[in-house]
């Protein structure tokens, strides 16, 4: 979890995964700390394992091009170099992911 990100913050909008293809994402990474980027990669792999082995869902916190933070509760099917594949074949750019919340 990113220390600056408060997952209980009421300003974080929860979106359905089906809304993700209609969102715009910045070209640059939302994380700047090398350790945080490595942790995100590790958590992404863990999320894919959870999704494939147990069909488990989790919260993914991400940032759109306008700087707003959003949350999606979904299953991660695969982790790629540049993006995550979510249930229903929806892609989310990995560089836009702030953190994962596992239950």
PDB file of N, CA and C in Angstrom:
ATOM      1  N   UNK A   1       0.834  -1.181   0.000  1.00  0.00           N
ATOM      2  CA  UNK A   1       0.000   0.000   0.000  1.00  0.00           C
ATOM      3  C   UNK A   1       0.880   1.245   0.000  1.00  0.00           C
ATOM      4  N   UNK A   2       0.542   2.212  -0.794  1.00  0.00           N
ATOM      5  CA  UNK A   2       1.258   3.476  -0.875  1.00  0.00           C
ATOM      6  C   UNK A   2       0.857   4.307   0.351  1.00  0.00           C
ATOM      7  N   UNK A   3       1.826   4.824   1.126  1.00  0.00           N
ATOM      8  CA  UNK A   3       1.477   5.543   2.349  1.00  0.00           C
ATOM      9  C   UNK A   3       0.548   6.733   2.106  1.00  0.00           C
ATOM     10  N   UNK A   4       0.714   7.459   0.987  1.00  0.00           N
ATOM     11  CA  UNK A   4      -0.102   8.638   0.728  1.00  0.00           C
ATOM     12  C   UNK A   4      -1.545   8.269   0.371  1.00  0.00           C
ATOM     13  N   UNK A   5      -1.766   7.027  -0.019  1.00  0.00           N
ATOM     14  CA  UNK A   5      -3.081   6.591  -0.464  1.00  0.00           C
ATOM     15  C   UNK A   5      -3.866   6.018   0.706  1.00  0.00           C
ATOM     16  N   UNK A   6      -4.952   6.666   1.047  1.00  0.00           N
ATOM     17  CA  UNK A   6      -5.824   6.186   2.115  1.00  0.00           C
ATOM     18  C   UNK A   6      -7.003   5.479   1.451  1.00  0.00           C
ATOM     19  N   UNK A   7      -7.058   4.158   1.581  1.00  0.00           N
ATOM     20  CA  UNK A   7      -8.085   3.392   0.875  1.00  0.00           C
ATOM     21  C   UNK A   7      -9.485   3.661   1.393  1.00  0.00           C
ATOM     22  N   UNK A   8      -9.598   4.283   2.556  1.00  0.00           N
ATOM     23  CA  UNK A   8     -10.915   4.624   3.088  1.00  0.00           C
ATOM     24  C   UNK A   8     -11.348   6.020   2.660  1.00  0.00           C
ATOM     25  N   UNK A   9     -10.539   6.704   1.878  1.00  0.00           N
ATOM     26  CA  UNK A   9     -10.832   8.051   1.404  1.00  0.00           C
ATOM     27  C   UNK A   9     -12.125   8.043   0.583  1.00  0.00           C
ATOM     28  N   UNK A  10     -13.141   8.795   1.005  1.00  0.00           N
ATOM     29  CA  UNK A  10     -14.417   8.779   0.283  1.00  0.00           C
ATOM     30  C   UNK A  10     -14.338   9.413  -1.108  1.00  0.00           C
ATOM     31  N   UNK A  11     -13.252  10.139  -1.412  1.00  0.00           N
ATOM     32  CA  UNK A  11     -13.128  10.763  -2.732  1.00  0.00           C
ATOM     33  C   UNK A  11     -12.665   9.777  -3.795  1.00  0.00           C
ATOM     34  N   UNK A  12     -12.251   8.578  -3.387  1.00  0.00           N
ATOM     35  CA  UNK A  12     -11.836   7.567  -4.357  1.00  0.00           C
ATOM     36  C   UNK A  12     -13.090   6.941  -4.953  1.00  0.00           C
ATOM     37  N   UNK A  13     -13.256   7.154  -6.262  1.00  0.00           N
ATOM     38  CA  UNK A  13     -14.427   6.638  -6.958  1.00  0.00           C
ATOM     39  C   UNK A  13     -14.242   5.159  -7.284  1.00  0.00           C
ATOM     40  N   UNK A  14     -15.251   4.367  -6.993  1.00  0.00           N
ATOM     41  CA  UNK A  14     -15.243   2.963  -7.382  1.00  0.00           C
ATOM     42  C   UNK A  14     -15.896   2.854  -8.751  1.00  0.00           C
ATOM     43  N   UNK A  15     -15.190   2.206  -9.681  1.00  0.00           N
ATOM     44  CA  UNK A  15     -15.717   2.039 -11.035  1.00  0.00           C
ATOM     45  C   UNK A  15     -15.861   0.553 -11.345  1.00  0.00           C
ATOM     46  N   UNK A  16     -16.747   0.256 -12.253  1.00  0.00           N
ATOM     47  CA  UNK A  16     -16.891  -1.111 -12.741  1.00  0.00           C
ATOM     48  C   UNK A  16     -15.781  -1.368 -13.756  1.00  0.00           C
ATOM     49  N   UNK A  17     -15.321  -2.597 -13.845  1.00  0.00           N
ATOM     50  CA  UNK A  17     -14.234  -2.907 -14.783  1.00  0.00           C
ATOM     51  C   UNK A  17     -14.612  -2.578 -16.217  1.00  0.00           C
ATOM     52  N   UNK A  18     -15.887  -2.665 -16.542  1.00  0.00           N
ATOM     53  CA  UNK A  18     -16.353  -2.374 -17.897  1.00  0.00           C
ATOM     54  C   UNK A  18     -16.158  -0.907 -18.283  1.00  0.00           C
ATOM     55  N   UNK A  19     -15.988  -0.023 -17.285  1.00  0.00           N
ATOM     56  CA  UNK A  19     -15.771   1.404 -17.553  1.00  0.00           C
ATOM     57  C   UNK A  19     -14.316   1.717 -17.904  1.00  0.00           C
ATOM     58  N   UNK A  20     -13.386   0.813 -17.593  1.00  0.00           N
ATOM     59  CA  UNK A  20     -11.961   1.076 -17.774  1.00  0.00           C
ATOM     60  C   UNK A  20     -11.580   1.393 -19.226  1.00  0.00           C
ATOM     61  N   UNK A  21     -12.092   0.660 -20.227  1.00  0.00           N
ATOM     62  CA  UNK A  21     -11.695   0.998 -21.607  1.00  0.00           C
ATOM     63  C   UNK A  21     -12.049   2.427 -22.022  1.00  0.00           C
ATOM     64  N   UNK A  22     -13.005   3.050 -21.369  1.00  0.00           N
ATOM     65  CA  UNK A  22     -13.394   4.418 -21.689  1.00  0.00           C
ATOM     66  C   UNK A  22     -12.598   5.482 -20.950  1.00  0.00           C
ATOM     67  N   UNK A  23     -11.677   5.072 -20.091  1.00  0.00           N
ATOM     68  CA  UNK A  23     -10.874   6.021 -19.319  1.00  0.00           C
ATOM     69  C   UNK A  23      -9.582   6.344 -20.056  1.00  0.00           C
ATOM     70  N   UNK A  24      -9.030   7.522 -19.763  1.00  0.00           N
ATOM     71  CA  UNK A  24      -7.736   7.913 -20.331  1.00  0.00           C
ATOM     72  C   UNK A  24      -6.667   7.805 -19.251  1.00  0.00           C
ATOM     73  N   UNK A  25      -5.486   7.355 -19.677  1.00  0.00           N
ATOM     74  CA  UNK A  25      -4.369   7.186 -18.752  1.00  0.00           C
ATOM     75  C   UNK A  25      -3.165   7.972 -19.234  1.00  0.00           C
ATOM     76  N   UNK A  26      -2.398   8.526 -18.297  1.00  0.00           N
ATOM     77  CA  UNK A  26      -1.190   9.273 -18.627  1.00  0.00           C
ATOM     78  C   UNK A  26      -0.132   8.320 -19.181  1.00  0.00           C
ATOM     79  N   UNK A  27       0.786   8.855 -19.961  1.00  0.00           N
ATOM     80  CA  UNK A  27       1.859   8.049 -20.544  1.00  0.00           C
ATOM     81  C   UNK A  27       2.941   7.722 -19.513  1.00  0.00           C
ATOM     82  N   UNK A  28       3.117   8.578 -18.514  1.00  0.00           N
ATOM     83  CA  UNK A  28       4.162   8.357 -17.523  1.00  0.00           C
ATOM     84  C   UNK A  28       3.650   7.518 -16.358  1.00  0.00           C
ATOM     85  N   UNK A  29       4.585   6.917 -15.648  1.00  0.00           N
ATOM     86  CA  UNK A  29       4.268   6.058 -14.506  1.00  0.00           C
ATOM     87  C   UNK A  29       3.772   6.908 -13.338  1.00  0.00           C
ATOM     88  N   UNK A  30       2.752   6.417 -12.645  1.00  0.00           N
ATOM     89  CA  UNK A  30       2.225   7.126 -11.480  1.00  0.00           C
ATOM     90  C   UNK A  30       3.127   6.965 -10.263  1.00  0.00           C
ATOM     91  N   UNK A  31       4.012   5.974 -10.303  1.00  0.00           N
ATOM     92  CA  UNK A  31       4.974   5.759  -9.220  1.00  0.00           C
ATOM     93  C   UNK A  31       6.347   6.242  -9.664  1.00  0.00           C
ATOM     94  N   UNK A  32       7.078   6.838  -8.744  1.00  0.00           N
ATOM     95  CA  UNK A  32       8.428   7.314  -9.068  1.00  0.00           C
ATOM     96  C   UNK A  32       9.499   6.558  -8.292  1.00  0.00           C
ATOM     97  N   UNK A  33       9.135   5.986  -7.160  1.00  0.00           N
ATOM     98  CA  UNK A  33      10.081   5.257  -6.321  1.00  0.00           C
ATOM     99  C   UNK A  33      10.345   3.868  -6.902  1.00  0.00           C
ATOM    100  N   UNK A  34      11.612   3.547  -7.103  1.00  0.00           N
ATOM    101  CA  UNK A  34      11.981   2.259  -7.709  1.00  0.00           C
ATOM    102  C   UNK A  34      11.485   1.069  -6.879  1.00  0.00           C
ATOM    103  N   UNK A  35      11.572   1.174  -5.557  1.00  0.00           N
ATOM    104  CA  UNK A  35      11.095   0.086  -4.678  1.00  0.00           C
ATOM    105  C   UNK A  35       9.582  -0.078  -4.802  1.00  0.00           C
ATOM    106  N   UNK A  36       8.849   1.015  -4.914  1.00  0.00           N
ATOM    107  CA  UNK A  36       7.391   0.946  -5.059  1.00  0.00           C
ATOM    108  C   UNK A  36       7.015   0.308  -6.396  1.00  0.00           C
ATOM    109  N   UNK A  37       7.776   0.595  -7.430  1.00  0.00           N
ATOM    110  CA  UNK A  37       7.532   0.005  -8.752  1.00  0.00           C
ATOM    111  C   UNK A  37       7.781  -1.501  -8.705  1.00  0.00           C
ATOM    112  N   UNK A  38       8.834  -1.915  -8.022  1.00  0.00           N
ATOM    113  CA  UNK A  38       9.122  -3.343  -7.876  1.00  0.00           C
ATOM    114  C   UNK A  38       8.046  -4.045  -7.043  1.00  0.00           C
ATOM    115  N   UNK A  39       7.577  -3.376  -6.003  1.00  0.00           N
ATOM    116  CA  UNK A  39       6.515  -3.933  -5.155  1.00  0.00           C
ATOM    117  C   UNK A  39       5.224  -4.081  -5.970  1.00  0.00           C
ATOM    118  N   UNK A  40       4.940  -3.087  -6.805  1.00  0.00           N
ATOM    119  CA  UNK A  40       3.749  -3.166  -7.650  1.00  0.00           C
ATOM    120  C   UNK A  40       3.835  -4.359  -8.589  1.00  0.00           C
ATOM    121  N   UNK A  41       5.007  -4.603  -9.184  1.00  0.00           N
ATOM    122  CA  UNK A  41       5.192  -5.747 -10.089  1.00  0.00           C
ATOM    123  C   UNK A  41       4.956  -7.052  -9.331  1.00  0.00           C
ATOM    124  N   UNK A  42       5.532  -7.160  -8.138  1.00  0.00           N
ATOM    125  CA  UNK A  42       5.355  -8.354  -7.300  1.00  0.00           C
ATOM    126  C   UNK A  42       3.875  -8.544  -6.951  1.00  0.00           C
ATOM    127  N   UNK A  43       3.212  -7.464  -6.547  1.00  0.00           N
ATOM    128  CA  UNK A  43       1.798  -7.547  -6.196  1.00  0.00           C
ATOM    129  C   UNK A  43       0.943  -7.900  -7.406  1.00  0.00           C
ATOM    130  N   UNK A  44       1.316  -7.425  -8.584  1.00  0.00           N
ATOM    131  CA  UNK A  44       0.578  -7.752  -9.806  1.00  0.00           C
ATOM    132  C   UNK A  44       0.669  -9.244 -10.095  1.00  0.00           C
ATOM    133  N   UNK A  45       1.852  -9.811  -9.935  1.00  0.00           N
ATOM    134  CA  UNK A  45       2.030 -11.256 -10.134  1.00  0.00           C
ATOM    135  C   UNK A  45       1.204 -12.038  -9.114  1.00  0.00           C
ATOM    136  N   UNK A  46       1.215 -11.564  -7.889  1.00  0.00           N
ATOM    137  CA  UNK A  46       0.437 -12.202  -6.818  1.00  0.00           C
ATOM    138  C   UNK A  46      -1.063 -12.127  -7.115  1.00  0.00           C
ATOM    139  N   UNK A  47      -1.504 -10.987  -7.647  1.00  0.00           N
ATOM    140  CA  UNK A  47      -2.917 -10.812  -7.997  1.00  0.00           C
ATOM    141  C   UNK A  47      -3.329 -11.778  -9.105  1.00  0.00           C
ATOM    142  N   UNK A  48      -2.440 -11.992 -10.090  1.00  0.00           N
ATOM    143  CA  UNK A  48      -2.741 -12.928 -11.178  1.00  0.00           C
ATOM    144  C   UNK A  48      -2.816 -14.356 -10.647  1.00  0.00           C
ATOM    145  N   UNK A  49      -1.941 -14.711  -9.731  1.00  0.00           N
ATOM    146  CA  UNK A  49      -1.984 -16.040  -9.120  1.00  0.00           C
ATOM    147  C   UNK A  49      -3.290 -16.222  -8.348  1.00  0.00           C
ATOM    148  N   UNK A  50      -3.679 -15.214  -7.588  1.00  0.00           N
ATOM    149  CA  UNK A  50      -4.937 -15.260  -6.841  1.00  0.00           C
ATOM    150  C   UNK A  50      -6.113 -15.435  -7.796  1.00  0.00           C
ATOM    151  N   UNK A  51      -6.104 -14.708  -8.900  1.00  0.00           N
ATOM    152  CA  UNK A  51      -7.192 -14.781  -9.864  1.00  0.00           C
ATOM    153  C   UNK A  51      -7.284 -16.115 -10.567  1.00  0.00           C
ATOM    154  N   UNK A  52      -6.145 -16.658 -10.962  1.00  0.00           N
ATOM    155  CA  UNK A  52      -6.139 -17.911 -11.706  1.00  0.00           C
ATOM    156  C   UNK A  52      -6.346 -19.135 -10.823  1.00  0.00           C
ATOM    157  N   UNK A  53      -5.718 -19.150  -9.684  1.00  0.00           N
ATOM    158  CA  UNK A  53      -5.795 -20.332  -8.817  1.00  0.00           C
ATOM    159  C   UNK A  53      -7.091 -20.378  -8.002  1.00  0.00           C
ATOM    160  N   UNK A  54      -7.561 -19.203  -7.570  1.00  0.00           N
ATOM    161  CA  UNK A  54      -8.699 -19.178  -6.647  1.00  0.00           C
ATOM    162  C   UNK A  54      -9.882 -18.353  -7.148  1.00  0.00           C
ATOM    163  N   UNK A  55      -9.742 -17.735  -8.321  1.00  0.00           N
ATOM    164  CA  UNK A  55     -10.766 -16.830  -8.853  1.00  0.00           C
ATOM    165  C   UNK A  55     -11.074 -15.726  -7.856  1.00  0.00           C
ATOM    166  N   UNK A  56     -10.042 -15.344  -7.086  1.00  0.00           N
ATOM    167  CA  UNK A  56     -10.210 -14.320  -6.058  1.00  0.00           C
ATOM    168  C   UNK A  56     -10.183 -12.920  -6.612  1.00  0.00           C
ATOM    169  N   UNK A  57     -10.984 -12.055  -6.008  1.00  0.00           N
ATOM    170  CA  UNK A  57     -11.039 -10.647  -6.393  1.00  0.00           C
ATOM    171  C   UNK A  57     -10.237  -9.810  -5.412  1.00  0.00           C
ATOM    172  N   UNK A  58      -9.863  -8.618  -5.858  1.00  0.00           N
ATOM    173  CA  UNK A  58      -9.150  -7.674  -5.029  1.00  0.00           C
ATOM    174  C   UNK A  58      -9.447  -6.282  -5.524  1.00  0.00           C
ATOM    175  N   UNK A  59      -9.097  -5.281  -4.718  1.00  0.00           N
ATOM    176  CA  UNK A  59      -9.221  -3.891  -5.138  1.00  0.00           C
ATOM    177  C   UNK A  59      -7.920  -3.464  -5.795  1.00  0.00           C
ATOM    178  N   UNK A  60      -8.046  -2.788  -6.931  1.00  0.00           N
ATOM    179  CA  UNK A  60      -6.900  -2.182  -7.605  1.00  0.00           C
ATOM    180  C   UNK A  60      -7.143  -0.683  -7.585  1.00  0.00           C
ATOM    181  N   UNK A  61      -6.170   0.064  -7.069  1.00  0.00           N
ATOM    182  CA  UNK A  61      -6.244   1.521  -7.045  1.00  0.00           C
ATOM    183  C   UNK A  61      -5.384   2.031  -8.185  1.00  0.00           C
ATOM    184  N   UNK A  62      -5.959   2.904  -9.002  1.00  0.00           N
ATOM    185  CA  UNK A  62      -5.225   3.413 -10.152  1.00  0.00           C
ATOM    186  C   UNK A  62      -5.544   4.881 -10.378  1.00  0.00           C
ATOM    187  N   UNK A  63      -4.706   5.519 -11.188  1.00  0.00           N
ATOM    188  CA  UNK A  63      -4.858   6.944 -11.445  1.00  0.00           C
ATOM    189  C   UNK A  63      -5.087   7.170 -12.929  1.00  0.00           C
ATOM    190  N   UNK A  64      -6.036   8.038 -13.247  1.00  0.00           N
ATOM    191  CA  UNK A  64      -6.326   8.363 -14.641  1.00  0.00           C
ATOM    192  C   UNK A  64      -5.505   9.579 -15.066  1.00  0.00           C
ATOM    193  N   UNK A  65      -5.589   9.925 -16.355  1.00  0.00           N
ATOM    194  CA  UNK A  65      -4.795  11.024 -16.913  1.00  0.00           C
ATOM    195  C   UNK A  65      -5.098  12.356 -16.235  1.00  0.00           C
ATOM    196  N   UNK A  66      -6.319  12.545 -15.739  1.00  0.00           N
ATOM    197  CA  UNK A  66      -6.669  13.811 -15.085  1.00  0.00           C
ATOM    198  C   UNK A  66      -6.232  13.853 -13.621  1.00  0.00           C
ATOM    199  N   UNK A  67      -5.572  12.776 -13.150  1.00  0.00           N
ATOM    200  CA  UNK A  67      -5.045  12.745 -11.786  1.00  0.00           C
ATOM    201  C   UNK A  67      -5.992  12.181 -10.747  1.00  0.00           C
ATOM    202  N   UNK A  68      -7.196  11.799 -11.146  1.00  0.00           N
ATOM    203  CA  UNK A  68      -8.123  11.253 -10.159  1.00  0.00           C
ATOM    204  C   UNK A  68      -7.798   9.790  -9.869  1.00  0.00           C
ATOM    205  N   UNK A  69      -7.988   9.425  -8.608  1.00  0.00           N
ATOM    206  CA  UNK A  69      -7.723   8.060  -8.168  1.00  0.00           C
ATOM    207  C   UNK A  69      -9.038   7.297  -8.180  1.00  0.00           C
ATOM    208  N   UNK A  70      -8.978   6.093  -8.735  1.00  0.00           N
ATOM    209  CA  UNK A  70     -10.168   5.246  -8.830  1.00  0.00           C
ATOM    210  C   UNK A  70      -9.834   3.859  -8.288  1.00  0.00           C
ATOM    211  N   UNK A  71     -10.910   3.130  -7.977  1.00  0.00           N
ATOM    212  CA  UNK A  71     -10.774   1.779  -7.441  1.00  0.00           C
ATOM    213  C   UNK A  71     -11.656   0.860  -8.280  1.00  0.00           C
ATOM    214  N   UNK A  72     -11.143  -0.340  -8.557  1.00  0.00           N
ATOM    215  CA  UNK A  72     -11.955  -1.358  -9.222  1.00  0.00           C
ATOM    216  C   UNK A  72     -11.799  -2.660  -8.441  1.00  0.00           C
ATOM    217  N   UNK A  73     -12.910  -3.323  -8.201  1.00  0.00           N
ATOM    218  CA  UNK A  73     -12.912  -4.605  -7.500  1.00  0.00           C
ATOM    219  C   UNK A  73     -13.106  -5.678  -8.560  1.00  0.00           C
ATOM    220  N   UNK A  74     -12.064  -6.460  -8.814  1.00  0.00           N
ATOM    221  CA  UNK A  74     -12.110  -7.393  -9.936  1.00  0.00           C
ATOM    222  C   UNK A  74     -11.118  -8.531  -9.754  1.00  0.00           C
ATOM    223  N   UNK A  75     -11.081  -9.409 -10.734  1.00  0.00           N
ATOM    224  CA  UNK A  75     -10.144 -10.521 -10.802  1.00  0.00           C
ATOM    225  C   UNK A  75      -9.083 -10.197 -11.841  1.00  0.00           C
ATOM    226  N   UNK A  76      -7.821 -10.446 -11.503  1.00  0.00           N
ATOM    227  CA  UNK A  76      -6.719 -10.268 -12.458  1.00  0.00           C
ATOM    228  C   UNK A  76      -6.425 -11.635 -13.069  1.00  0.00           C
ATOM    229  N   UNK A  77      -6.506 -11.721 -14.396  1.00  0.00           N
ATOM    230  CA  UNK A  77      -6.233 -12.988 -15.078  1.00  0.00           C
ATOM    231  C   UNK A  77      -4.775 -13.119 -15.480  1.00  0.00           C
ATOM    232  N   UNK A  78      -4.125 -11.997 -15.845  1.00  0.00           N
ATOM    233  CA  UNK A  78      -2.735 -12.082 -16.305  1.00  0.00           C
ATOM    234  C   UNK A  78      -2.016 -10.761 -16.063  1.00  0.00           C
ATOM    235  N   UNK A  79      -0.710 -10.877 -15.888  1.00  0.00           N
ATOM    236  CA  UNK A  79       0.158  -9.715 -15.757  1.00  0.00           C
ATOM    237  C   UNK A  79       1.128  -9.728 -16.925  1.00  0.00           C
ATOM    238  N   UNK A  80       1.190  -8.634 -17.627  1.00  0.00           N
ATOM    239  CA  UNK A  80       2.097  -8.489 -18.763  1.00  0.00           C
ATOM    240  C   UNK A  80       3.100  -7.397 -18.434  1.00  0.00           C
ATOM    241  N   UNK A  81       4.045  -7.195 -19.290  1.00  0.00           N
ATOM    242  CA  UNK A  81       5.066  -6.169 -19.063  1.00  0.00           C
ATOM    243  C   UNK A  81       4.441  -4.786 -18.887  1.00  0.00           C
ATOM    244  N   UNK A  82       3.464  -4.453 -19.718  1.00  0.00           N
ATOM    245  CA  UNK A  82       2.902  -3.106 -19.737  1.00  0.00           C
ATOM    246  C   UNK A  82       1.493  -2.978 -19.155  1.00  0.00           C
ATOM    247  N   UNK A  83       0.791  -4.080 -18.962  1.00  0.00           N
ATOM    248  CA  UNK A  83      -0.596  -3.973 -18.526  1.00  0.00           C
ATOM    249  C   UNK A  83      -1.055  -5.224 -17.780  1.00  0.00           C
ATOM    250  N   UNK A  84      -2.225  -5.099 -17.150  1.00  0.00           N
ATOM    251  CA  UNK A  84      -2.898  -6.214 -16.492  1.00  0.00           C
ATOM    252  C   UNK A  84      -4.082  -6.609 -17.354  1.00  0.00           C
ATOM    253  N   UNK A  85      -4.360  -7.904 -17.438  1.00  0.00           N
ATOM    254  CA  UNK A  85      -5.585  -8.360 -18.078  1.00  0.00           C
ATOM    255  C   UNK A  85      -6.548  -8.748 -16.963  1.00  0.00           C
ATOM    256  N   UNK A  86      -7.691  -8.083 -16.959  1.00  0.00           N
ATOM    257  CA  UNK A  86      -8.709  -8.325 -15.952  1.00  0.00           C
ATOM    258  C   UNK A  86      -9.754  -9.281 -16.502  1.00  0.00           C
ATOM    259  N   UNK A  87     -10.650  -9.699 -15.653  1.00  0.00           N
ATOM    260  CA  UNK A  87     -11.752 -10.543 -16.079  1.00  0.00           C
ATOM    261  C   UNK A  87     -12.461  -9.869 -17.255  1.00  0.00           C
ATOM    262  N   UNK A  88     -12.967 -10.656 -18.182  1.00  0.00           N
ATOM    263  CA  UNK A  88     -13.639 -10.184 -19.399  1.00  0.00           C
ATOM    264  C   UNK A  88     -12.674  -9.608 -20.427  1.00  0.00           C
ATOM    265  N   UNK A  89     -11.365  -9.841 -20.254  1.00  0.00           N
ATOM    266  CA  UNK A  89     -10.380  -9.399 -21.246  1.00  0.00           C
ATOM    267  C   UNK A  89     -10.082  -7.917 -21.238  1.00  0.00           C
ATOM    268  N   UNK A  90     -10.449  -7.226 -20.193  1.00  0.00           N
ATOM    269  CA  UNK A  90     -10.216  -5.788 -20.093  1.00  0.00           C
ATOM    270  C   UNK A  90      -8.779  -5.532 -19.648  1.00  0.00           C
ATOM    271  N   UNK A  91      -8.136  -4.550 -20.288  1.00  0.00           N
ATOM    272  CA  UNK A  91      -6.742  -4.214 -19.969  1.00  0.00           C
ATOM    273  C   UNK A  91      -6.669  -2.945 -19.126  1.00  0.00           C
ATOM    274  N   UNK A  92      -5.719  -2.948 -18.190  1.00  0.00           N
ATOM    275  CA  UNK A  92      -5.437  -1.779 -17.360  1.00  0.00           C
ATOM    276  C   UNK A  92      -3.929  -1.547 -17.420  1.00  0.00           C
ATOM    277  N   UNK A  93      -3.485  -0.352 -17.845  1.00  0.00           N
ATOM    278  CA  UNK A  93      -2.042  -0.096 -17.911  1.00  0.00           C
ATOM    279  C   UNK A  93      -1.398  -0.249 -16.535  1.00  0.00           C
ATOM    280  N   UNK A  94      -0.346  -1.045 -16.467  1.00  0.00           N
ATOM    281  CA  UNK A  94       0.320  -1.277 -15.186  1.00  0.00           C
ATOM    282  C   UNK A  94       0.916   0.011 -14.630  1.00  0.00           C
ATOM    283  N   UNK A  95       1.403   0.890 -15.502  1.00  0.00           N
ATOM    284  CA  UNK A  95       2.021   2.135 -15.025  1.00  0.00           C
ATOM    285  C   UNK A  95       1.006   3.097 -14.392  1.00  0.00           C
ATOM    286  N   UNK A  96      -0.292   2.800 -14.515  1.00  0.00           N
ATOM    287  CA  UNK A  96      -1.314   3.645 -13.881  1.00  0.00           C
ATOM    288  C   UNK A  96      -1.750   3.103 -12.515  1.00  0.00           C
ATOM    289  N   UNK A  97      -1.292   1.903 -12.163  1.00  0.00           N
ATOM    290  CA  UNK A  97      -1.702   1.265 -10.897  1.00  0.00           C
ATOM    291  C   UNK A  97      -0.901   1.841  -9.731  1.00  0.00           C
ATOM    292  N   UNK A  98      -1.622   2.312  -8.722  1.00  0.00           N
ATOM    293  CA  UNK A  98      -0.999   2.830  -7.506  1.00  0.00           C
ATOM    294  C   UNK A  98      -0.736   1.715  -6.508  1.00  0.00           C
ATOM    295  N   UNK A  99      -1.730   0.828  -6.332  1.00  0.00           N
ATOM    296  CA  UNK A  99      -1.569  -0.254  -5.363  1.00  0.00           C
ATOM    297  C   UNK A  99      -2.674  -1.284  -5.522  1.00  0.00           C
ATOM    298  N   UNK A 100      -2.492  -2.381  -4.806  1.00  0.00           N
ATOM    299  CA  UNK A 100      -3.468  -3.468  -4.756  1.00  0.00           C
ATOM    300  C   UNK A 100      -3.875  -3.638  -3.301  1.00  0.00           C
ATOM    301  N   UNK A 101      -5.108  -4.028  -3.091  1.00  0.00           N
ATOM    302  CA  UNK A 101      -5.587  -4.311  -1.737  1.00  0.00           C
ATOM    303  C   UNK A 101      -6.098  -5.742  -1.718  1.00  0.00           C
ATOM    304  N   UNK A 102      -5.310  -6.623  -1.106  1.00  0.00           N
ATOM    305  CA  UNK A 102      -5.659  -8.046  -1.014  1.00  0.00           C
ATOM    306  C   UNK A 102      -6.483  -8.261   0.243  1.00  0.00           C
ATOM    307  N   UNK A 103      -7.418  -9.201   0.192  1.00  0.00           N
ATOM    308  CA  UNK A 103      -8.274  -9.507   1.354  1.00  0.00           C
ATOM    309  C   UNK A 103      -7.910 -10.831   1.925  1.00  0.00           C
TER     310      UNK A 103
END
